Protein backbone atom coordinates (compact mmCIF):
# COMPACT_ATOMS: atom_id res chain seq x y z
CA THR A 1 78.75 147.45 168.27
CA SER A 2 78.13 149.61 171.34
CA THR A 3 79.35 146.87 173.70
CA VAL A 4 81.38 144.41 171.59
CA ILE A 5 84.62 144.54 169.61
CA GLN A 6 85.22 141.49 167.43
CA PHE A 7 88.37 141.20 165.34
CA SER A 8 90.72 138.77 163.62
CA TRP A 9 94.25 138.89 162.27
CA LYS A 10 96.30 137.13 159.62
CA PRO A 11 100.11 136.85 159.72
CA GLN A 12 101.89 136.91 156.37
CA GLY A 13 105.41 135.52 156.19
CA GLY A 14 107.62 134.05 158.86
CA THR A 15 107.03 131.25 161.36
CA ARG A 16 105.17 131.90 164.56
CA ASP A 17 107.27 131.06 167.64
CA SER A 18 104.67 131.60 170.36
CA PRO A 19 100.93 132.15 170.97
CA TYR A 20 99.42 135.46 169.97
CA ARG A 21 99.20 137.98 172.81
CA VAL A 22 96.05 140.06 172.48
CA TYR A 23 95.34 143.15 174.57
CA LEU A 24 92.41 145.51 174.97
CA TRP A 25 92.86 148.64 177.03
CA GLY A 26 90.59 151.59 177.73
CA GLY A 27 91.13 153.73 180.82
CA SER A 28 90.86 151.41 183.82
CA HIS A 29 89.48 148.63 181.60
CA GLU A 30 92.16 146.10 180.63
CA MET A 31 91.92 142.59 179.18
CA LYS A 32 94.63 140.33 177.83
CA ARG A 33 94.62 136.87 176.30
CA SER A 34 97.09 134.34 174.96
CA LEU A 35 95.66 132.57 171.90
CA ASN A 36 96.55 130.13 169.17
CA GLU A 37 93.46 131.20 167.20
CA THR A 38 93.48 134.26 164.94
CA SER A 39 90.28 135.90 166.14
CA THR A 40 88.65 136.93 169.39
CA VAL A 41 85.80 138.98 170.84
CA PHE A 42 85.80 141.43 173.75
CA GLY A 43 82.38 142.12 175.23
CA ASN A 44 80.66 144.03 178.03
CA LEU A 45 82.27 147.28 176.87
CA LEU A 46 81.09 150.86 177.30
CA SER A 47 79.46 152.60 174.36
CA ASP A 48 81.15 155.74 172.97
CA HIS A 49 84.38 154.70 174.65
CA GLU A 50 87.83 154.69 173.09
CA TYR A 51 89.67 151.38 173.31
CA GLN A 52 93.05 150.31 172.03
CA ILE A 53 93.50 146.77 170.79
CA SER A 54 96.87 145.24 170.02
CA VAL A 55 98.18 141.88 168.85
CA ASP A 56 101.78 140.78 169.06
CA VAL A 57 103.65 137.55 168.40
CA SER A 58 107.21 136.31 168.04
CA THR A 59 107.86 135.52 164.38
CA CYS A 60 111.22 134.26 163.12
CA SER A 61 112.68 135.22 166.51
CA LYS A 62 111.47 138.80 166.06
CA ASN A 63 108.59 140.51 167.80
CA VAL A 64 105.78 141.55 165.44
CA SER A 65 103.03 143.77 166.77
CA THR A 66 100.36 146.25 165.79
CA SER A 67 97.63 148.21 167.49
CA LEU A 68 94.49 150.12 166.55
CA THR A 69 92.33 152.62 168.38
CA ILE A 70 88.59 151.95 168.16
CA ARG A 71 85.62 153.88 169.51
CA THR A 72 82.56 151.79 170.29
CA ALA A 73 79.35 152.88 168.60
CA ALA A 74 76.79 155.14 170.30
CA GLU A 75 74.32 157.95 169.86
CA VAL A 76 75.37 160.85 172.05
CA PHE A 77 73.36 163.90 173.09
CA ASN A 78 74.92 167.00 174.63
CA GLY A 79 73.10 168.62 177.54
CA THR A 80 73.63 171.98 179.24
CA THR A 81 71.64 173.38 182.14
CA ARG A 82 71.98 176.15 184.73
CA ILE A 83 71.22 175.25 188.36
CA THR A 84 70.26 178.46 190.16
CA ASN A 85 70.14 177.20 193.76
CA GLU A 86 73.72 175.88 193.78
CA VAL A 87 76.87 177.92 194.41
CA PHE A 88 79.96 177.29 192.30
CA ILE A 89 83.12 176.33 194.20
CA PRO A 90 86.65 176.00 192.76
CA GLU A 91 86.72 172.24 193.51
CA TYR A 92 84.14 171.73 190.75
CA GLN A 93 86.89 172.45 188.21
CA ASN A 94 88.61 169.20 189.19
CA LYS A 95 86.71 166.11 188.00
CA SER A 96 88.66 163.97 190.46
CA SER A 97 87.68 166.03 193.50
CA ARG A 98 85.24 164.75 196.11
CA ALA A 99 83.05 167.84 195.58
CA PHE A 100 82.72 167.14 191.84
CA LYS A 101 81.88 163.48 192.39
CA ASP A 102 79.32 164.30 195.10
CA PHE A 103 77.58 166.83 192.85
CA GLU A 104 77.64 164.39 189.92
CA THR A 105 75.98 161.71 192.04
CA LYS A 106 73.32 164.12 193.31
CA PHE A 107 72.61 165.49 189.82
CA ILE A 108 72.21 162.07 188.21
CA LYS A 109 70.10 160.61 191.03
CA GLU A 110 67.80 163.63 191.03
CA ILE A 111 67.22 163.43 187.27
CA GLU A 112 66.58 159.68 187.41
CA LYS A 113 63.83 160.22 190.00
CA HIS A 114 61.67 161.93 187.39
CA LEU A 115 62.49 160.10 184.15
CA PRO A 116 59.81 157.98 182.43
CA GLN A 117 59.90 154.22 182.83
CA LYS A 118 61.08 153.63 179.26
CA ILE A 119 64.29 155.59 179.84
CA LEU A 120 64.80 154.19 183.34
CA GLU A 121 64.75 150.70 181.84
CA LEU A 122 67.49 151.69 179.39
CA ILE A 123 69.60 153.04 182.26
CA LYS A 124 68.97 149.94 184.37
CA GLU A 125 70.02 147.70 181.47
CA LYS A 126 73.17 149.86 181.00
CA LYS A 127 72.06 150.89 177.53
CA MET A 128 72.01 154.56 178.50
CA ARG A 129 74.12 156.57 180.91
CA ILE A 130 74.61 160.18 182.00
CA VAL A 131 78.13 161.60 182.10
CA ILE A 132 78.97 165.05 183.50
CA ASN A 133 81.76 166.61 181.46
CA SER A 134 82.22 169.84 183.40
CA ILE A 135 80.73 172.14 186.01
CA LYS A 136 81.14 175.85 185.31
CA ASN A 137 80.56 179.08 187.19
CA GLY A 138 77.35 181.04 186.87
CA SER A 139 75.44 179.96 189.37
CA VAL A 140 76.33 176.37 188.47
CA ILE A 141 76.31 175.41 184.79
CA VAL A 142 76.36 171.65 184.18
CA VAL A 143 77.60 170.29 180.85
CA PHE A 144 76.73 166.63 180.41
CA ASP A 145 76.32 163.83 177.86
CA ILE A 146 73.51 161.33 177.45
CA VAL A 147 75.11 158.24 175.89
CA LEU A 148 72.76 155.74 174.22
CA ASP A 149 73.59 152.35 172.72
CA THR A 150 72.87 152.17 169.00
CA GLY A 151 69.75 150.41 167.79
CA GLU A 152 67.46 151.43 170.64
CA ASN A 153 63.91 152.46 169.70
CA ILE A 154 63.86 155.99 171.08
CA THR A 155 64.04 159.36 169.35
CA LYS A 156 66.01 162.51 170.04
CA THR A 157 62.76 164.36 170.83
CA GLU A 158 61.74 161.75 173.41
CA ILE A 159 65.12 162.01 175.13
CA SER A 160 65.18 165.81 175.11
CA ASP A 161 61.62 166.18 176.40
CA ALA A 162 62.13 163.56 179.13
CA PHE A 163 65.30 165.11 180.54
CA ILE A 164 64.03 168.69 180.43
CA GLU A 165 60.83 167.60 182.19
CA ALA A 166 62.88 165.72 184.82
CA LEU A 167 64.88 168.88 185.55
CA ASN A 168 61.67 170.90 185.71
CA MET A 169 60.10 168.49 188.23
CA SER A 170 63.10 168.39 190.56
CA THR A 171 62.63 170.03 193.95
CA VAL A 172 66.31 169.65 194.88
CA LEU A 173 67.83 171.22 191.75
CA LYS A 174 66.31 174.47 190.51
CA ALA A 175 67.00 174.42 186.78
CA ASP A 176 66.73 177.51 184.60
CA LEU A 177 64.84 176.00 181.66
CA LYS A 178 65.71 178.98 179.47
CA LYS A 179 69.35 177.94 179.88
CA THR A 180 68.68 174.24 179.37
CA VAL A 181 69.46 172.64 176.00
CA ILE A 182 69.71 169.00 174.89
CA GLU A 183 70.82 168.31 171.32
CA ALA A 184 72.60 165.71 169.23
CA ARG A 185 76.36 165.87 169.73
CA ASN A 186 78.56 166.76 166.79
CA SER A 187 80.83 163.72 166.97
CA CYS A 188 83.01 165.07 164.16
CA GLN A 189 84.78 167.29 166.66
CA PRO A 190 88.40 166.21 167.33
CA GLY A 191 88.70 163.31 169.76
CA LEU A 192 85.06 162.19 169.44
CA ASN A 193 85.40 159.76 166.52
CA ASP A 194 87.78 157.16 165.10
CA CYS A 195 87.93 158.37 161.49
CA SER A 196 91.32 158.09 159.79
CA GLN A 197 93.37 161.28 159.67
CA HIS A 198 93.03 160.93 155.87
CA ALA A 199 89.22 160.77 155.99
CA THR A 200 86.35 163.23 156.25
CA CYS A 201 83.93 162.89 159.16
CA ASN A 202 80.24 163.44 158.44
CA ALA A 203 77.88 164.13 161.34
CA GLU A 204 74.70 162.05 161.13
CA GLY A 205 72.33 163.05 163.89
CA ALA A 206 73.78 161.84 167.18
CA SER A 207 76.31 159.61 165.38
CA TYR A 208 78.74 159.98 162.44
CA SER A 209 80.29 158.31 159.40
CA CYS A 210 83.73 158.52 157.78
CA GLN A 211 84.87 158.67 154.15
CA CYS A 212 88.44 158.48 152.83
CA ASN A 213 89.64 161.64 151.11
CA ALA A 214 90.38 161.85 147.39
CA GLY A 215 93.71 160.21 146.57
CA PHE A 216 93.37 157.64 149.35
CA ARG A 217 92.25 154.02 149.07
CA ASP A 218 89.79 152.70 151.65
CA ASP A 219 91.22 149.47 153.08
CA SER A 220 88.19 149.01 155.35
CA PRO A 221 85.21 149.48 153.01
CA GLN A 222 82.81 147.75 155.40
CA VAL A 223 83.71 150.32 158.07
CA PRO A 224 84.40 153.23 155.72
CA GLY A 225 87.04 155.80 156.45
CA ARG A 226 88.89 154.05 159.28
CA VAL A 227 91.96 152.82 157.35
CA CYS A 228 92.83 155.09 154.42
CA GLN A 229 96.02 154.42 152.42
CA ARG A 230 97.49 156.77 149.82
CA LYS A 231 96.96 155.44 146.30
CA GLN A 232 100.16 154.40 144.54
CA ASN A 233 100.52 155.30 140.84
CA LEU A 234 102.80 152.48 139.72
CA PRO A 235 104.74 152.86 136.43
CA SER A 236 103.56 150.67 133.54
CA GLN A 237 106.92 148.98 132.93
CA GLN A 238 107.64 145.54 134.32
CA MET A 239 108.27 145.49 138.05
CA THR A 240 110.57 143.16 139.99
CA THR A 241 109.15 141.89 143.26
CA VAL A 242 111.63 142.10 146.12
CA PRO A 243 110.97 139.81 149.11
CA PRO A 244 110.53 141.73 152.36
CA LYS A 245 113.45 141.83 154.77
CA SER A 246 111.20 141.22 157.74
CA ALA A 247 108.01 139.37 158.48
CA ILE A 248 104.80 141.12 157.48
CA ALA A 249 101.47 140.63 159.20
CA ARG A 250 97.98 141.76 158.29
CA PHE A 251 95.63 142.71 161.08
CA THR A 252 91.90 142.53 160.48
CA GLY A 253 89.26 143.70 162.92
CA SER A 254 85.55 144.37 163.06
CA THR A 255 83.36 146.77 164.97
CA ALA A 256 79.70 147.57 164.45
CA ASN A 257 79.48 144.44 162.25
CA SER A 258 82.17 145.69 159.85
CA ILE A 259 85.74 144.86 158.86
CA PHE A 260 88.89 146.94 158.64
CA THR A 261 92.48 145.97 157.84
CA THR A 262 95.94 147.38 158.27
CA THR A 263 99.42 146.08 157.48
CA PHE A 264 102.48 146.33 159.67
CA ALA A 265 106.09 145.19 159.57
CA SER A 266 108.11 143.59 162.30
CA GLY A 267 111.10 145.27 163.80
CA PRO A 268 113.27 145.15 166.88
CA CYS A 269 111.73 146.12 170.19
CA MET A 270 113.31 149.47 170.99
CA PRO A 271 113.77 150.30 174.69
CA VAL A 272 112.16 153.37 176.15
CA SER A 273 114.03 156.19 177.86
CA ILE A 274 113.10 157.03 181.48
CA LYS A 275 113.31 160.54 182.93
CA VAL A 276 112.89 160.82 186.70
CA GLN A 277 111.21 164.17 187.30
CA ASN A 278 110.82 164.43 191.06
CA VAL A 279 111.54 162.36 194.16
CA THR A 280 110.23 162.90 197.69
CA GLY A 281 110.39 160.78 200.80
CA GLU A 282 107.25 158.89 199.78
CA ALA A 283 106.93 159.23 195.99
CA ILE A 284 108.81 158.84 192.70
CA GLN A 285 107.49 160.75 189.69
CA PHE A 286 108.82 159.94 186.23
CA SER A 287 108.07 159.99 182.52
CA TRP A 288 109.33 158.08 179.50
CA THR A 289 109.68 158.29 175.74
CA GLY A 290 109.89 155.60 173.06
CA GLY A 291 107.59 153.20 171.27
CA ARG A 292 105.16 154.08 168.53
CA ARG A 293 102.38 156.61 168.82
CA GLY A 294 99.56 155.11 170.87
CA SER A 295 101.74 152.35 172.34
CA LEU A 296 100.70 150.61 175.53
CA TYR A 297 103.35 150.50 178.25
CA THR A 298 103.93 148.20 181.20
CA ILE A 299 105.43 149.92 184.26
CA SER A 300 106.84 148.10 187.27
CA LEU A 301 108.08 149.01 190.75
CA MET A 302 110.51 146.63 192.43
CA ASP A 303 111.66 146.56 196.06
CA GLY A 304 114.73 144.38 195.84
CA ASN A 305 113.58 141.17 194.14
CA GLN A 306 109.91 141.75 194.97
CA GLU A 307 107.58 143.41 192.48
CA ILE A 308 105.22 145.59 194.50
CA ASN A 309 103.41 147.42 191.71
CA LYS A 310 102.75 146.65 188.05
CA THR A 311 100.30 148.29 185.69
CA THR A 312 99.58 148.95 182.02
CA THR A 313 98.94 152.42 180.61
CA LYS A 314 98.99 154.42 177.40
CA GLU A 315 100.18 157.49 179.32
CA THR A 316 103.87 158.42 179.25
CA LYS A 317 104.21 159.53 182.85
CA THR A 318 103.23 158.27 186.29
CA MET A 319 103.96 158.51 190.01
CA PHE A 320 104.49 155.74 192.54
CA LYS A 321 103.27 156.86 195.97
CA HIS A 322 103.25 155.64 199.58
CA LEU A 323 106.90 154.56 199.50
CA LEU A 324 109.40 154.23 202.34
CA PRO A 325 111.77 157.19 202.84
CA GLY A 326 115.47 156.67 202.18
CA HIS A 327 114.72 153.39 200.39
CA VAL A 328 116.05 152.17 197.03
CA TYR A 329 113.45 151.15 194.45
CA THR A 330 113.79 150.02 190.85
CA ILE A 331 111.35 151.52 188.35
CA SER A 332 111.03 149.84 184.96
CA VAL A 333 109.14 150.58 181.74
CA ALA A 334 108.65 148.58 178.53
CA VAL A 335 106.41 148.75 175.50
CA LEU A 336 103.71 146.21 176.34
CA SER A 337 104.30 144.07 173.25
CA CYS A 338 108.03 143.97 174.02
CA ALA A 339 107.86 143.68 177.80
CA GLU A 340 109.44 140.24 177.94
CA ASN A 341 112.89 141.39 176.84
CA SER A 342 113.11 145.17 176.49
CA TRP A 343 112.75 146.71 179.94
CA THR A 344 114.42 150.01 180.74
CA SER A 345 115.11 150.48 184.45
CA ALA A 346 116.34 153.07 186.91
CA SER A 347 117.32 152.66 190.56
CA VAL A 348 116.08 155.54 192.69
CA ARG A 349 116.39 156.19 196.42
CA THR A 350 113.51 158.10 197.96
CA ASP A 351 114.43 161.26 199.83
CA PRO A 352 116.34 160.41 203.05
CA VAL A 353 115.95 163.77 204.84
CA SER A 354 112.95 162.72 206.94
CA CYS A 355 114.96 159.74 208.20
CA PHE A 356 117.68 161.99 209.54
CA ASN A 357 115.16 164.16 211.36
CA ARG A 358 113.83 161.24 213.41
CA THR A 359 114.79 161.09 217.07
CA GLU A 360 116.02 157.86 218.66
CA PHE A 361 116.78 156.61 215.17
CA CYS A 362 118.32 153.29 216.24
CA LEU A 363 115.70 152.17 218.76
CA PRO A 364 113.97 148.87 217.86
CA GLN A 365 110.52 150.49 217.86
CA ASN A 366 111.59 152.92 215.13
CA THR A 367 110.70 150.84 212.06
CA GLY A 368 110.99 153.58 209.44
CA CYS A 369 113.91 153.92 207.01
CA PRO A 370 115.05 150.26 207.28
CA ASP A 371 117.83 150.64 204.67
CA LEU A 372 119.51 153.52 206.45
CA LYS A 373 118.89 152.12 209.91
CA TYR A 374 120.85 149.00 209.02
CA ILE A 375 123.77 151.12 207.79
CA VAL A 376 123.78 153.76 210.50
CA CYS A 377 123.10 151.62 213.56
CA SER A 378 125.72 148.97 212.83
CA ASN A 379 128.70 151.35 213.10
CA TYR A 380 130.26 153.15 216.03
CA GLN A 381 129.53 156.64 214.75
CA ALA A 382 127.47 157.85 211.82
CA PHE A 383 126.87 161.37 210.53
CA ALA A 384 124.14 162.37 208.09
CA CYS A 385 125.65 164.89 205.69
CA SER A 386 124.22 167.15 203.01
CA VAL A 387 126.29 169.32 200.69
CA LEU A 388 125.00 172.19 198.56
CA LEU A 389 127.20 172.34 195.46
CA LYS A 390 126.39 175.75 194.01
CA SER A 391 128.97 175.34 191.25
CA GLN A 392 127.18 172.26 189.84
CA THR A 393 124.07 171.98 187.67
CA PHE A 394 121.49 169.29 188.33
CA ASN A 395 120.15 167.05 185.57
CA HIS A 396 117.57 164.29 185.83
CA THR A 397 120.12 161.46 185.41
CA LEU A 398 121.40 162.25 188.92
CA TYR A 399 118.21 160.70 190.33
CA ASN A 400 119.22 157.33 188.86
CA SER A 401 122.02 155.59 190.74
CA ASP A 402 122.62 153.35 187.69
CA SER A 403 123.42 156.30 185.41
CA GLU A 404 126.92 157.35 184.41
CA GLY A 405 126.28 160.89 185.65
CA TYR A 406 125.38 159.62 189.12
CA LYS A 407 128.38 157.30 189.27
CA THR A 408 130.81 159.99 188.10
CA MET A 409 129.68 162.60 190.63
CA SER A 410 129.48 160.06 193.45
CA GLU A 411 133.00 158.86 192.77
CA SER A 412 134.40 162.40 192.57
CA ILE A 413 132.95 163.23 196.01
CA LYS A 414 133.77 159.91 197.63
CA THR A 415 137.39 159.74 196.44
CA LYS A 416 138.21 163.25 197.63
CA VAL A 417 136.36 163.07 200.96
CA VAL A 418 137.45 159.58 202.03
CA ARG A 419 141.14 160.11 201.26
CA GLU A 420 141.45 163.42 203.09
CA MET A 421 139.12 162.61 206.01
CA ARG A 422 141.13 159.49 206.80
CA ILE A 423 144.18 161.70 207.13
CA LYS A 424 142.46 164.37 209.23
CA LEU A 425 140.72 161.89 211.54
CA LYS A 426 143.61 159.40 211.59
CA ASP A 427 141.04 156.70 210.90
CA ASP A 428 141.90 154.32 208.06
CA HIS A 429 138.39 152.86 208.17
CA PHE A 430 136.50 156.12 207.61
CA ASP A 431 134.07 155.76 204.71
CA ILE A 432 131.04 157.43 203.19
CA ILE A 433 127.92 156.00 201.55
CA MET A 434 126.31 158.15 198.88
CA LEU A 435 122.54 158.38 199.25
CA GLY A 436 121.66 160.48 196.23
CA PHE A 437 121.40 163.90 194.63
CA ARG A 438 118.62 166.45 194.48
CA PRO A 439 118.15 169.69 192.54
CA GLY A 440 119.04 173.11 193.84
CA SER A 441 121.91 173.60 192.27
CA VAL A 442 123.05 170.07 193.25
CA ILE A 443 122.46 168.80 196.78
CA ALA A 444 124.42 165.66 197.64
CA TYR A 445 123.38 163.42 200.53
CA PHE A 446 125.73 160.91 202.12
CA ILE A 447 126.47 159.17 205.42
CA SER A 448 129.92 159.41 207.01
CA LEU A 449 130.88 156.29 208.96
CA LEU A 450 133.59 156.11 211.62
CA GLN A 451 134.79 152.79 213.00
CA LYS A 452 136.91 154.27 215.81
CA GLN A 453 135.31 154.33 219.23
CA GLU A 454 136.49 157.76 220.35
CA PRO A 455 133.61 160.19 219.76
CA VAL A 456 134.12 162.90 217.15
CA ASN A 457 132.32 166.20 217.59
CA VAL A 458 129.76 167.20 214.95
CA LYS A 459 131.36 170.63 214.57
CA VAL A 460 134.72 169.03 213.88
CA MET A 461 133.19 166.81 211.20
CA GLN A 462 131.46 169.79 209.60
CA GLU A 463 134.64 171.86 209.63
CA TYR A 464 136.74 169.10 208.06
CA LEU A 465 134.17 168.27 205.40
CA SER A 466 133.70 171.95 204.56
CA GLN A 467 137.43 172.42 204.03
CA ILE A 468 137.69 169.37 201.78
CA LEU A 469 134.59 170.01 199.67
CA LYS A 470 135.21 173.74 199.27
CA SER A 471 138.70 173.00 197.95
CA LYS A 472 137.13 170.81 195.26
CA PHE A 473 133.84 172.55 194.44
CA GLY A 474 134.47 176.18 195.44
CA ASP A 475 133.96 178.47 198.43
CA GLN A 476 130.20 178.68 197.92
CA THR A 477 129.84 175.02 198.90
CA GLU A 478 127.72 174.59 202.05
CA VAL A 479 127.96 171.52 204.31
CA THR A 480 125.44 170.39 206.94
CA VAL A 481 126.21 167.51 209.34
CA GLN A 482 123.95 165.71 211.83
CA CYS A 483 125.10 163.07 214.29
CA LYS A 484 122.93 159.93 214.24
């Protein structure tokens, strides 16, 4: 219905090893349950909203899962109006901006002031809502939807007349009624319906219906056109039935009082692949690939053994913000239905540069950069070093200290520098700690540590390191050293 999704499932073959894990996800709306039953109901949902439901279970020691995307039922009316006493600003192009949200609030409140009681009751009971889709230039053109739960006793004409009259009566918003239109939405446009890709969508007023195309069998006749399977023309001779190699499950669901089914096969949980895209002193941005189309993913952020952020999403990229500079975090991703045993992880240190720029780094009151402070302030002398390796090419694996690329480049720098600096400084305890790599060609950050008590001049350190690194990576190599 407009607010409820009810569904059931039926496993076929294999022995269930654990309760069923059932998930519903839609934007910020997430529910999950662990059940022994084979049916459930999710309620209090938004009408005309796309949700993904999934069920997974361990069967014969293998993970079996499936998911479906469902749009709750609704009648939707498109509205467009031109507000002549408002001035368009660029911030209106961003739906997340404060300016957009403020205008949206003002627009909706002003319309509601002048709507008839019948419609106000629907809004109060959350059976109708107004959604602004965009704000365009010219003075200000507002494109919005009026979303109505199905089954309500109100006509398109009543809705159109009421909203146009509300705009006309407003003293805050001057609407150009010649540029104001409210009409039934064509829900057969891409992304506005849940018809199968092998079905035809038919617009029916402010709603729609679906019908499987010729050559396809409708496996959900009570909700036509949602699950369409190609018809198989089997030969007439005798067939031999071959048992499946893996457990098969059948998933049955209902929406708008109807039933649909789909079949899926179990298989191993394949890990995802993480690509770190950008790292700053306070944020890690990354993306991932893997899983089936429409999969839900669980993403986690660990600080040592403590999980400090965990969320579920159907997106394939995210950013963790408000992190400590120069600090090592572990980011992990798994397909939601496989999250118990198929995590892919990467260890990433946030950018350390801001740590090196802090004055009085080792004073107790300086609480930033705790990782580096422990390293730097526990030795006699420490130098923050950065090296621009113009002969090298950066790739995203160099963000991840667990990757082979990171380990190989770190070892090549460390082996060369430590061996020759110990000779030049006559200090057998000289060592370096690699902090990470950044693009441009490749910038390497590390800390040089000296155990000897005699002070070493920064210029001497820079000269020695330049000689060593240029001999390995070429004369274009540039070295910067700061004493901490």
